[in-house]
PDB file of all heavy atoms in Angstrom:
ATOM      1  N   ALA A   1     155.735  -3.683  53.793  1.00  0.00           N
ATOM      2  CA  ALA A   1     155.854  -2.538  52.893  1.00  0.00           C
ATOM      3  C   ALA A   1     155.498  -2.954  51.475  1.00  0.00           C
ATOM      4  O   ALA A   1     155.700  -4.109  51.082  1.00  0.00           O
ATOM      5  CB  ALA A   1     157.278  -1.976  52.929  1.00  0.00           C
ATOM      6  N   GLY A   2     154.969  -2.016  50.718  1.00  0.00           N
ATOM      7  CA  GLY A   2     154.574  -2.273  49.344  1.00  0.00           C
ATOM      8  C   GLY A   2     155.490  -1.570  48.362  1.00  0.00           C
ATOM      9  O   GLY A   2     155.752  -0.368  48.506  1.00  0.00           O
ATOM     10  N   LEU A   3     155.993  -2.303  47.405  1.00  0.00           N
ATOM     11  CA  LEU A   3     156.815  -1.725  46.338  1.00  0.00           C
ATOM     12  C   LEU A   3     155.895  -1.236  45.227  1.00  0.00           C
ATOM     13  O   LEU A   3     155.202  -2.031  44.599  1.00  0.00           O
ATOM     14  CB  LEU A   3     157.788  -2.776  45.797  1.00  0.00           C
ATOM     15  CG  LEU A   3     158.605  -2.359  44.580  1.00  0.00           C
ATOM     16  CD1 LEU A   3     159.539  -1.210  44.942  1.00  0.00           C
ATOM     17  CD2 LEU A   3     159.390  -3.536  44.029  1.00  0.00           C
ATOM     18  N   GLY A   4     155.880   0.061  44.999  1.00  0.00           N
ATOM     19  CA  GLY A   4     154.983   0.641  44.005  1.00  0.00           C
ATOM     20  C   GLY A   4     155.490   0.494  42.588  1.00  0.00           C
ATOM     21  O   GLY A   4     156.697   0.381  42.336  1.00  0.00           O
ATOM     22  N   SER A   5     154.557   0.478  41.650  1.00  0.00           N
ATOM     23  CA  SER A   5     154.942   0.415  40.238  1.00  0.00           C
ATOM     24  C   SER A   5     153.916   1.130  39.375  1.00  0.00           C
ATOM     25  O   SER A   5     152.747   1.238  39.740  1.00  0.00           O
ATOM     26  CB  SER A   5     155.070  -1.050  39.766  1.00  0.00           C
ATOM     27  OG  SER A   5     153.820  -1.705  39.800  1.00  0.00           O
ATOM     28  N   LYS A   6     154.375   1.622  38.257  1.00  0.00           N
ATOM     29  CA  LYS A   6     153.505   2.191  37.222  1.00  0.00           C
ATOM     30  C   LYS A   6     153.895   1.539  35.907  1.00  0.00           C
ATOM     31  O   LYS A   6     155.086   1.383  35.601  1.00  0.00           O
ATOM     32  CB  LYS A   6     153.640   3.703  37.140  1.00  0.00           C
ATOM     33  CG  LYS A   6     153.067   4.444  38.353  1.00  0.00           C
ATOM     34  CD  LYS A   6     153.177   5.943  38.190  1.00  0.00           C
ATOM     35  CE  LYS A   6     152.695   6.682  39.432  1.00  0.00           C
ATOM     36  NZ  LYS A   6     151.247   6.603  39.614  1.00  0.00           N
ATOM     37  N   ARG A   7     152.869   1.151  35.140  1.00  0.00           N
ATOM     38  CA  ARG A   7     153.115   0.470  33.881  1.00  0.00           C
ATOM     39  C   ARG A   7     152.312   1.122  32.769  1.00  0.00           C
ATOM     40  O   ARG A   7     151.152   1.459  32.968  1.00  0.00           O
ATOM     41  CB  ARG A   7     152.744  -1.016  34.004  1.00  0.00           C
ATOM     42  CG  ARG A   7     153.637  -1.780  34.959  1.00  0.00           C
ATOM     43  CD  ARG A   7     153.089  -3.130  35.317  1.00  0.00           C
ATOM     44  NE  ARG A   7     154.022  -3.867  36.159  1.00  0.00           N
ATOM     45  CZ  ARG A   7     153.735  -4.980  36.809  1.00  0.00           C
ATOM     46  NH1 ARG A   7     152.521  -5.513  36.703  1.00  0.00           N
ATOM     47  NH2 ARG A   7     154.630  -5.573  37.556  1.00  0.00           N
ATOM     48  N   TYR A   8     152.952   1.256  31.616  1.00  0.00           N
ATOM     49  CA  TYR A   8     152.307   1.881  30.461  1.00  0.00           C
ATOM     50  C   TYR A   8     152.529   1.066  29.200  1.00  0.00           C
ATOM     51  O   TYR A   8     153.552   0.383  29.047  1.00  0.00           O
ATOM     52  CB  TYR A   8     152.892   3.281  30.216  1.00  0.00           C
ATOM     53  CG  TYR A   8     152.358   4.349  31.131  1.00  0.00           C
ATOM     54  CD1 TYR A   8     152.975   4.617  32.344  1.00  0.00           C
ATOM     55  CD2 TYR A   8     151.227   5.089  30.779  1.00  0.00           C
ATOM     56  CE1 TYR A   8     152.494   5.602  33.183  1.00  0.00           C
ATOM     57  CE2 TYR A   8     150.735   6.080  31.611  1.00  0.00           C
ATOM     58  CZ  TYR A   8     151.370   6.332  32.807  1.00  0.00           C
ATOM     59  OH  TYR A   8     150.873   7.302  33.647  1.00  0.00           O
ATOM     60  N   LYS A   9     151.565   1.177  28.315  1.00  0.00           N
ATOM     61  CA  LYS A   9     151.740   0.708  26.939  1.00  0.00           C
ATOM     62  C   LYS A   9     151.767   1.940  26.055  1.00  0.00           C
ATOM     63  O   LYS A   9     150.838   2.753  26.075  1.00  0.00           O
ATOM     64  CB  LYS A   9     150.598  -0.221  26.527  1.00  0.00           C
ATOM     65  CG  LYS A   9     150.782  -0.800  25.114  1.00  0.00           C
ATOM     66  CD  LYS A   9     149.718  -1.849  24.809  1.00  0.00           C
ATOM     67  CE  LYS A   9     149.991  -2.511  23.462  1.00  0.00           C
ATOM     68  NZ  LYS A   9     149.023  -3.600  23.160  1.00  0.00           N
ATOM     69  N   LEU A  10     152.845   2.091  25.318  1.00  0.00           N
ATOM     70  CA  LEU A  10     152.971   3.184  24.357  1.00  0.00           C
ATOM     71  C   LEU A  10     152.675   2.625  22.975  1.00  0.00           C
ATOM     72  O   LEU A  10     153.314   1.669  22.531  1.00  0.00           O
ATOM     73  CB  LEU A  10     154.385   3.770  24.385  1.00  0.00           C
ATOM     74  CG  LEU A  10     154.752   4.731  23.237  1.00  0.00           C
ATOM     75  CD1 LEU A  10     153.868   5.975  23.254  1.00  0.00           C
ATOM     76  CD2 LEU A  10     156.230   5.104  23.296  1.00  0.00           C
ATOM     77  N   VAL A  11     151.698   3.208  22.283  1.00  0.00           N
ATOM     78  CA  VAL A  11     151.334   2.790  20.931  1.00  0.00           C
ATOM     79  C   VAL A  11     151.626   3.940  19.977  1.00  0.00           C
ATOM     80  O   VAL A  11     151.100   5.051  20.151  1.00  0.00           O
ATOM     81  CB  VAL A  11     149.840   2.397  20.841  1.00  0.00           C
ATOM     82  CG1 VAL A  11     149.501   1.950  19.420  1.00  0.00           C
ATOM     83  CG2 VAL A  11     149.497   1.301  21.843  1.00  0.00           C
ATOM     84  N   VAL A  12     152.472   3.698  18.991  1.00  0.00           N
ATOM     85  CA  VAL A  12     152.831   4.700  17.978  1.00  0.00           C
ATOM     86  C   VAL A  12     152.242   4.245  16.643  1.00  0.00           C
ATOM     87  O   VAL A  12     152.418   3.087  16.243  1.00  0.00           O
ATOM     88  CB  VAL A  12     154.358   4.859  17.865  1.00  0.00           C
ATOM     89  CG1 VAL A  12     154.699   5.958  16.842  1.00  0.00           C
ATOM     90  CG2 VAL A  12     154.976   5.184  19.226  1.00  0.00           C
ATOM     91  N   LYS A  13     151.557   5.161  15.946  1.00  0.00           N
ATOM     92  CA  LYS A  13     150.883   4.792  14.696  1.00  0.00           C
ATOM     93  C   LYS A  13     151.301   5.687  13.533  1.00  0.00           C
ATOM     94  O   LYS A  13     151.621   6.857  13.724  1.00  0.00           O
ATOM     95  CB  LYS A  13     149.368   4.876  14.870  1.00  0.00           C
ATOM     96  CG  LYS A  13     148.804   3.861  15.854  1.00  0.00           C
ATOM     97  CD  LYS A  13     147.292   3.935  15.932  1.00  0.00           C
ATOM     98  CE  LYS A  13     146.742   2.882  16.889  1.00  0.00           C
ATOM     99  NZ  LYS A  13     145.261   2.904  16.950  1.00  0.00           N
ATOM    100  N   GLY A  14     151.313   5.087  12.334  1.00  0.00           N
ATOM    101  CA  GLY A  14     151.586   5.829  11.110  1.00  0.00           C
ATOM    102  C   GLY A  14     150.773   5.240   9.969  1.00  0.00           C
ATOM    103  O   GLY A  14     149.969   4.323  10.172  1.00  0.00           O
ATOM    104  N   LYS A  15     150.988   5.725   8.762  1.00  0.00           N
ATOM    105  CA  LYS A  15     150.219   5.248   7.614  1.00  0.00           C
ATOM    106  C   LYS A  15     150.639   3.856   7.162  1.00  0.00           C
ATOM    107  O   LYS A  15     149.832   3.073   6.663  1.00  0.00           O
ATOM    108  CB  LYS A  15     150.366   6.225   6.431  1.00  0.00           C
ATOM    109  CG  LYS A  15     149.652   7.554   6.658  1.00  0.00           C
ATOM    110  CD  LYS A  15     149.764   8.433   5.420  1.00  0.00           C
ATOM    111  CE  LYS A  15     148.994   9.739   5.611  1.00  0.00           C
ATOM    112  NZ  LYS A  15     149.090  10.614   4.405  1.00  0.00           N
ATOM    113  N   GLY A  16     151.906   3.533   7.300  1.00  0.00           N
ATOM    114  CA  GLY A  16     152.388   2.244   6.820  1.00  0.00           C
ATOM    115  C   GLY A  16     152.567   2.249   5.308  1.00  0.00           C
ATOM    116  O   GLY A  16     151.962   3.055   4.591  1.00  0.00           O
ATOM    117  N   GLY A  17     153.409   1.361   4.806  1.00  0.00           N
ATOM    118  CA  GLY A  17     153.630   1.308   3.362  1.00  0.00           C
ATOM    119  C   GLY A  17     154.758   0.347   3.011  1.00  0.00           C
ATOM    120  O   GLY A  17     155.308  -0.344   3.877  1.00  0.00           O
ATOM    121  N   HIS A  18     155.123   0.336   1.728  1.00  0.00           N
ATOM    122  CA  HIS A  18     156.169  -0.556   1.244  1.00  0.00           C
ATOM    123  C   HIS A  18     157.538   0.009   1.624  1.00  0.00           C
ATOM    124  O   HIS A  18     157.777   1.216   1.533  1.00  0.00           O
ATOM    125  CB  HIS A  18     156.071  -0.702  -0.281  1.00  0.00           C
ATOM    126  CG  HIS A  18     156.856  -1.844  -0.819  1.00  0.00           C
ATOM    127  ND1 HIS A  18     158.210  -1.782  -1.023  1.00  0.00           N
ATOM    128  CD2 HIS A  18     156.463  -3.092  -1.220  1.00  0.00           C
ATOM    129  CE1 HIS A  18     158.636  -2.927  -1.522  1.00  0.00           C
ATOM    130  NE2 HIS A  18     157.586  -3.754  -1.656  1.00  0.00           N
ATOM    131  N   SER A  19     158.452  -0.873   2.000  1.00  0.00           N
ATOM    132  CA  SER A  19     159.762  -0.419   2.484  1.00  0.00           C
ATOM    133  C   SER A  19     160.566   0.296   1.392  1.00  0.00           C
ATOM    134  O   SER A  19     161.403   1.153   1.691  1.00  0.00           O
ATOM    135  CB  SER A  19     160.567  -1.606   3.026  1.00  0.00           C
ATOM    136  OG  SER A  19     160.809  -2.557   2.011  1.00  0.00           O
ATOM    137  N   TRP A  20     160.330  -0.047   0.107  1.00  0.00           N
ATOM    138  CA  TRP A  20     161.019   0.619  -1.005  1.00  0.00           C
ATOM    139  C   TRP A  20     160.147   1.693  -1.630  1.00  0.00           C
ATOM    140  O   TRP A  20     160.548   2.849  -1.752  1.00  0.00           O
ATOM    141  CB  TRP A  20     161.405  -0.420  -2.061  1.00  0.00           C
ATOM    142  CG  TRP A  20     162.004   0.175  -3.317  1.00  0.00           C
ATOM    143  CD1 TRP A  20     161.365   0.437  -4.494  1.00  0.00           C
ATOM    144  CD2 TRP A  20     163.349   0.604  -3.478  1.00  0.00           C
ATOM    145  NE1 TRP A  20     162.219   0.996  -5.397  1.00  0.00           N
ATOM    146  CE2 TRP A  20     163.470   1.117  -4.788  1.00  0.00           C
ATOM    147  CE3 TRP A  20     164.477   0.628  -2.665  1.00  0.00           C
ATOM    148  CZ2 TRP A  20     164.653   1.623  -5.300  1.00  0.00           C
ATOM    149  CZ3 TRP A  20     165.661   1.119  -3.168  1.00  0.00           C
ATOM    150  CH2 TRP A  20     165.749   1.614  -4.467  1.00  0.00           C
ATOM    151  N   GLY A  21     158.930   1.293  -1.954  1.00  0.00           N
ATOM    152  CA  GLY A  21     158.067   2.225  -2.673  1.00  0.00           C
ATOM    153  C   GLY A  21     157.648   3.423  -1.837  1.00  0.00           C
ATOM    154  O   GLY A  21     157.437   4.515  -2.364  1.00  0.00           O
ATOM    155  N   ALA A  22     157.552   3.252  -0.535  1.00  0.00           N
ATOM    156  CA  ALA A  22     157.135   4.363   0.337  1.00  0.00           C
ATOM    157  C   ALA A  22     158.286   4.821   1.231  1.00  0.00           C
ATOM    158  O   ALA A  22     158.056   5.446   2.275  1.00  0.00           O
ATOM    159  CB  ALA A  22     155.940   3.933   1.193  1.00  0.00           C
ATOM    160  N   PHE A  23     159.510   4.551   0.790  1.00  0.00           N
ATOM    161  CA  PHE A  23     160.663   4.922   1.613  1.00  0.00           C
ATOM    162  C   PHE A  23     160.646   6.411   1.956  1.00  0.00           C
ATOM    163  O   PHE A  23     160.377   7.252   1.096  1.00  0.00           O
ATOM    164  CB  PHE A  23     161.962   4.602   0.865  1.00  0.00           C
ATOM    165  CG  PHE A  23     163.188   5.029   1.606  1.00  0.00           C
ATOM    166  CD1 PHE A  23     163.565   4.390   2.783  1.00  0.00           C
ATOM    167  CD2 PHE A  23     163.953   6.102   1.146  1.00  0.00           C
ATOM    168  CE1 PHE A  23     164.698   4.805   3.463  1.00  0.00           C
ATOM    169  CE2 PHE A  23     165.088   6.519   1.833  1.00  0.00           C
ATOM    170  CZ  PHE A  23     165.463   5.859   3.002  1.00  0.00           C
ATOM    171  N   GLY A  24     160.938   6.700   3.201  1.00  0.00           N
ATOM    172  CA  GLY A  24     160.917   8.076   3.684  1.00  0.00           C
ATOM    173  C   GLY A  24     159.666   8.399   4.468  1.00  0.00           C
ATOM    174  O   GLY A  24     159.603   9.435   5.137  1.00  0.00           O
ATOM    175  N   LEU A  25     158.669   7.519   4.388  1.00  0.00           N
ATOM    176  CA  LEU A  25     157.434   7.720   5.152  1.00  0.00           C
ATOM    177  C   LEU A  25     157.716   7.521   6.642  1.00  0.00           C
ATOM    178  O   LEU A  25     158.506   6.667   7.027  1.00  0.00           O
ATOM    179  CB  LEU A  25     156.377   6.726   4.681  1.00  0.00           C
ATOM    180  CG  LEU A  25     154.964   6.868   5.255  1.00  0.00           C
ATOM    181  CD1 LEU A  25     154.322   8.162   4.789  1.00  0.00           C
ATOM    182  CD2 LEU A  25     154.119   5.658   4.841  1.00  0.00           C
ATOM    183  N   ALA A  26     157.053   8.315   7.464  1.00  0.00           N
ATOM    184  CA  ALA A  26     157.242   8.229   8.912  1.00  0.00           C
ATOM    185  C   ALA A  26     157.018   6.787   9.393  1.00  0.00           C
ATOM    186  O   ALA A  26     156.001   6.174   9.084  1.00  0.00           O
ATOM    187  CB  ALA A  26     156.287   9.173   9.622  1.00  0.00           C
ATOM    188  N   ASN A  27     157.996   6.283  10.148  1.00  0.00           N
ATOM    189  CA  ASN A  27     158.004   4.875  10.557  1.00  0.00           C
ATOM    190  C   ASN A  27     157.799   4.767  12.075  1.00  0.00           C
ATOM    191  O   ASN A  27     158.657   5.202  12.853  1.00  0.00           O
ATOM    192  CB  ASN A  27     159.342   4.249  10.156  1.00  0.00           C
ATOM    193  CG  ASN A  27     159.396   2.759  10.402  1.00  0.00           C
ATOM    194  OD1 ASN A  27     158.995   2.274  11.442  1.00  0.00           O
ATOM    195  ND2 ASN A  27     159.929   2.022   9.421  1.00  0.00           N
ATOM    196  N   PRO A  28     156.698   4.183  12.528  1.00  0.00           N
ATOM    197  CA  PRO A  28     156.437   4.065  13.963  1.00  0.00           C
ATOM    198  C   PRO A  28     157.546   3.339  14.737  1.00  0.00           C
ATOM    199  O   PRO A  28     157.836   3.704  15.875  1.00  0.00           O
ATOM    200  CB  PRO A  28     155.122   3.282  14.017  1.00  0.00           C
ATOM    201  CG  PRO A  28     154.420   3.649  12.758  1.00  0.00           C
ATOM    202  CD  PRO A  28     155.525   3.739  11.740  1.00  0.00           C
ATOM    203  N   HIS A  29     158.162   2.322  14.112  1.00  0.00           N
ATOM    204  CA  HIS A  29     159.249   1.617  14.793  1.00  0.00           C
ATOM    205  C   HIS A  29     160.423   2.550  15.070  1.00  0.00           C
ATOM    206  O   HIS A  29     161.032   2.506  16.153  1.00  0.00           O
ATOM    207  CB  HIS A  29     159.749   0.437  13.944  1.00  0.00           C
ATOM    208  CG  HIS A  29     158.903  -0.789  14.037  1.00  0.00           C
ATOM    209  ND1 HIS A  29     157.822  -0.908  14.860  1.00  0.00           N
ATOM    210  CD2 HIS A  29     159.020  -1.990  13.369  1.00  0.00           C
ATOM    211  CE1 HIS A  29     157.282  -2.111  14.720  1.00  0.00           C
ATOM    212  NE2 HIS A  29     157.990  -2.790  13.808  1.00  0.00           N
ATOM    213  N   HIS A  30     160.759   3.369  14.101  1.00  0.00           N
ATOM    214  CA  HIS A  30     161.883   4.292  14.280  1.00  0.00           C
ATOM    215  C   HIS A  30     161.571   5.306  15.370  1.00  0.00           C
ATOM    216  O   HIS A  30     162.439   5.647  16.189  1.00  0.00           O
ATOM    217  CB  HIS A  30     162.188   5.013  12.965  1.00  0.00           C
ATOM    218  CG  HIS A  30     162.610   4.087  11.864  1.00  0.00           C
ATOM    219  ND1 HIS A  30     162.889   4.540  10.580  1.00  0.00           N
ATOM    220  CD2 HIS A  30     162.805   2.745  11.841  1.00  0.00           C
ATOM    221  CE1 HIS A  30     163.237   3.501   9.819  1.00  0.00           C
ATOM    222  NE2 HIS A  30     163.190   2.405  10.572  1.00  0.00           N
ATOM    223  N   ALA A  31     160.358   5.782  15.388  1.00  0.00           N
ATOM    224  CA  ALA A  31     159.954   6.733  16.417  1.00  0.00           C
ATOM    225  C   ALA A  31     159.968   6.075  17.798  1.00  0.00           C
ATOM    226  O   ALA A  31     160.393   6.683  18.791  1.00  0.00           O
ATOM    227  CB  ALA A  31     158.557   7.278  16.114  1.00  0.00           C
ATOM    228  N   LEU A  32     159.516   4.833  17.846  1.00  0.00           N
ATOM    229  CA  LEU A  32     159.526   4.111  19.119  1.00  0.00           C
ATOM    230  C   LEU A  32     160.961   3.925  19.619  1.00  0.00           C
ATOM    231  O   LEU A  32     161.244   4.081  20.818  1.00  0.00           O
ATOM    232  CB  LEU A  32     158.862   2.747  18.953  1.00  0.00           C
ATOM    233  CG  LEU A  32     158.662   1.950  20.252  1.00  0.00           C
ATOM    234  CD1 LEU A  32     157.454   2.479  21.009  1.00  0.00           C
ATOM    235  CD2 LEU A  32     158.477   0.463  19.956  1.00  0.00           C
ATOM    236  N   GLY A  33     161.874   3.594  18.704  1.00  0.00           N
ATOM    237  CA  GLY A  33     163.272   3.442  19.082  1.00  0.00           C
ATOM    238  C   GLY A  33     163.847   4.712  19.669  1.00  0.00           C
ATOM    239  O   GLY A  33     164.618   4.672  20.633  1.00  0.00           O
ATOM    240  N   LYS A  34     163.471   5.844  19.079  1.00  0.00           N
ATOM    241  CA  LYS A  34     163.941   7.133  19.603  1.00  0.00           C
ATOM    242  C   LYS A  34     163.386   7.365  21.002  1.00  0.00           C
ATOM    243  O   LYS A  34     164.089   7.857  21.891  1.00  0.00           O
ATOM    244  CB  LYS A  34     163.516   8.258  18.665  1.00  0.00           C
ATOM    245  CG  LYS A  34     164.130   9.614  18.992  1.00  0.00           C
ATOM    246  CD  LYS A  34     163.800  10.631  17.930  1.00  0.00           C
ATOM    247  CE  LYS A  34     164.559  11.930  18.168  1.00  0.00           C
ATOM    248  NZ  LYS A  34     166.017  11.760  17.966  1.00  0.00           N
ATOM    249  N   ALA A  35     162.119   6.998  21.211  1.00  0.00           N
ATOM    250  CA  ALA A  35     161.510   7.163  22.535  1.00  0.00           C
ATOM    251  C   ALA A  35     162.226   6.305  23.575  1.00  0.00           C
ATOM    252  O   ALA A  35     162.490   6.755  24.700  1.00  0.00           O
ATOM    253  CB  ALA A  35     160.024   6.798  22.477  1.00  0.00           C
ATOM    254  N   ILE A  36     162.566   5.071  23.200  1.00  0.00           N
ATOM    255  CA  ILE A  36     163.291   4.201  24.129  1.00  0.00           C
ATOM    256  C   ILE A  36     164.650   4.794  24.462  1.00  0.00           C
ATOM    257  O   ILE A  36     165.075   4.817  25.623  1.00  0.00           O
ATOM    258  CB  ILE A  36     163.458   2.788  23.521  1.00  0.00           C
ATOM    259  CG1 ILE A  36     162.100   2.095  23.413  1.00  0.00           C
ATOM    260  CG2 ILE A  36     164.406   1.949  24.366  1.00  0.00           C
ATOM    261  CD1 ILE A  36     162.153   0.764  22.679  1.00  0.00           C
ATOM    262  N   ASP A  37     165.332   5.307  23.447  1.00  0.00           N
ATOM    263  CA  ASP A  37     166.667   5.872  23.654  1.00  0.00           C
ATOM    264  C   ASP A  37     166.623   7.080  24.583  1.00  0.00           C
ATOM    265  O   ASP A  37     167.384   7.161  25.557  1.00  0.00           O
ATOM    266  CB  ASP A  37     167.277   6.256  22.306  1.00  0.00           C
ATOM    267  CG  ASP A  37     168.695   6.790  22.448  1.00  0.00           C
ATOM    268  OD1 ASP A  37     169.498   6.144  23.135  1.00  0.00           O
ATOM    269  OD2 ASP A  37     168.996   7.851  21.882  1.00  0.00           O
ATOM    270  N   LEU A  38     165.726   8.019  24.313  1.00  0.00           N
ATOM    271  CA  LEU A  38     165.644   9.222  25.141  1.00  0.00           C
ATOM    272  C   LEU A  38     165.230   8.885  26.571  1.00  0.00           C
ATOM    273  O   LEU A  38     165.778   9.411  27.541  1.00  0.00           O
ATOM    274  CB  LEU A  38     164.669  10.224  24.530  1.00  0.00           C
ATOM    275  CG  LEU A  38     165.106  10.925  23.241  1.00  0.00           C
ATOM    276  CD1 LEU A  38     164.018  11.902  22.773  1.00  0.00           C
ATOM    277  CD2 LEU A  38     166.409  11.693  23.463  1.00  0.00           C
ATOM    278  N   PHE A  39     164.240   8.000  26.712  1.00  0.00           N
ATOM    279  CA  PHE A  39     163.780   7.624  28.049  1.00  0.00           C
ATOM    280  C   PHE A  39     164.884   6.901  28.811  1.00  0.00           C
ATOM    281  O   PHE A  39     165.132   7.191  29.996  1.00  0.00           O
ATOM    282  CB  PHE A  39     162.537   6.739  27.953  1.00  0.00           C
ATOM    283  CG  PHE A  39     162.100   6.154  29.268  1.00  0.00           C
ATOM    284  CD1 PHE A  39     161.833   6.976  30.365  1.00  0.00           C
ATOM    285  CD2 PHE A  39     161.951   4.776  29.424  1.00  0.00           C
ATOM    286  CE1 PHE A  39     161.439   6.435  31.591  1.00  0.00           C
ATOM    287  CE2 PHE A  39     161.550   4.234  30.638  1.00  0.00           C
ATOM    288  CZ  PHE A  39     161.301   5.061  31.727  1.00  0.00           C
ATOM    289  N   SER A  40     165.565   5.984  28.158  1.00  0.00           N
ATOM    290  CA  SER A  40     166.620   5.227  28.836  1.00  0.00           C
ATOM    291  C   SER A  40     167.725   6.139  29.354  1.00  0.00           C
ATOM    292  O   SER A  40     168.210   5.970  30.480  1.00  0.00           O
ATOM    293  CB  SER A  40     167.216   4.183  27.890  1.00  0.00           C
ATOM    294  OG  SER A  40     166.258   3.211  27.545  1.00  0.00           O
ATOM    295  N   GLN A  41     168.119   7.125  28.531  1.00  0.00           N
ATOM    296  CA  GLN A  41     169.172   8.052  28.956  1.00  0.00           C
ATOM    297  C   GLN A  41     168.726   8.881  30.159  1.00  0.00           C
ATOM    298  O   GLN A  41     169.432   8.987  31.163  1.00  0.00           O
ATOM    299  CB  GLN A  41     169.553   8.974  27.798  1.00  0.00           C
ATOM    300  CG  GLN A  41     170.300   8.281  26.670  1.00  0.00           C
ATOM    301  CD  GLN A  41     170.716   9.259  25.580  1.00  0.00           C
ATOM    302  OE1 GLN A  41     170.982  10.429  25.844  1.00  0.00           O
ATOM    303  NE2 GLN A  41     170.762   8.781  24.347  1.00  0.00           N
ATOM    304  N   SER A  42     167.541   9.483  30.061  1.00  0.00           N
ATOM    305  CA  SER A  42     167.055  10.354  31.135  1.00  0.00           C
ATOM    306  C   SER A  42     166.754   9.563  32.406  1.00  0.00           C
ATOM    307  O   SER A  42     167.074   9.994  33.514  1.00  0.00           O
ATOM    308  CB  SER A  42     165.790  11.090  30.680  1.00  0.00           C
ATOM    309  OG  SER A  42     166.048  11.920  29.576  1.00  0.00           O
ATOM    310  N   ALA A  43     166.144   8.391  32.231  1.00  0.00           N
ATOM    311  CA  ALA A  43     165.797   7.583  33.394  1.00  0.00           C
ATOM    312  C   ALA A  43     167.041   7.035  34.081  1.00  0.00           C
ATOM    313  O   ALA A  43     167.086   6.932  35.314  1.00  0.00           O
ATOM    314  CB  ALA A  43     164.877   6.435  32.963  1.00  0.00           C
ATOM    315  N   TRP A  44     168.059   6.671  33.295  1.00  0.00           N
ATOM    316  CA  TRP A  44     169.291   6.177  33.892  1.00  0.00           C
ATOM    317  C   TRP A  44     169.974   7.268  34.714  1.00  0.00           C
ATOM    318  O   TRP A  44     170.472   7.019  35.820  1.00  0.00           O
ATOM    319  CB  TRP A  44     170.232   5.655  32.823  1.00  0.00           C
ATOM    320  CG  TRP A  44     171.472   5.037  33.409  1.00  0.00           C
ATOM    321  CD1 TRP A  44     172.717   5.564  33.472  1.00  0.00           C
ATOM    322  CD2 TRP A  44     171.547   3.758  34.058  1.00  0.00           C
ATOM    323  NE1 TRP A  44     173.581   4.715  34.110  1.00  0.00           N
ATOM    324  CE2 TRP A  44     172.883   3.592  34.485  1.00  0.00           C
ATOM    325  CE3 TRP A  44     170.626   2.747  34.315  1.00  0.00           C
ATOM    326  CZ2 TRP A  44     173.326   2.461  35.159  1.00  0.00           C
ATOM    327  CZ3 TRP A  44     171.052   1.612  34.994  1.00  0.00           C
ATOM    328  CH2 TRP A  44     172.386   1.483  35.403  1.00  0.00           C
TER     329      TRP A  44
END
């Protein structure tokens, strides 16, 4: 028997900037964290 799998790479992009000078700018890391949280809850 074969154990099936699906694998993905999720890439999130934004403008990027200085942590102080551009504070409040959309942050790809924060968005990625939210995606992990929502997926983990639903998948669990």
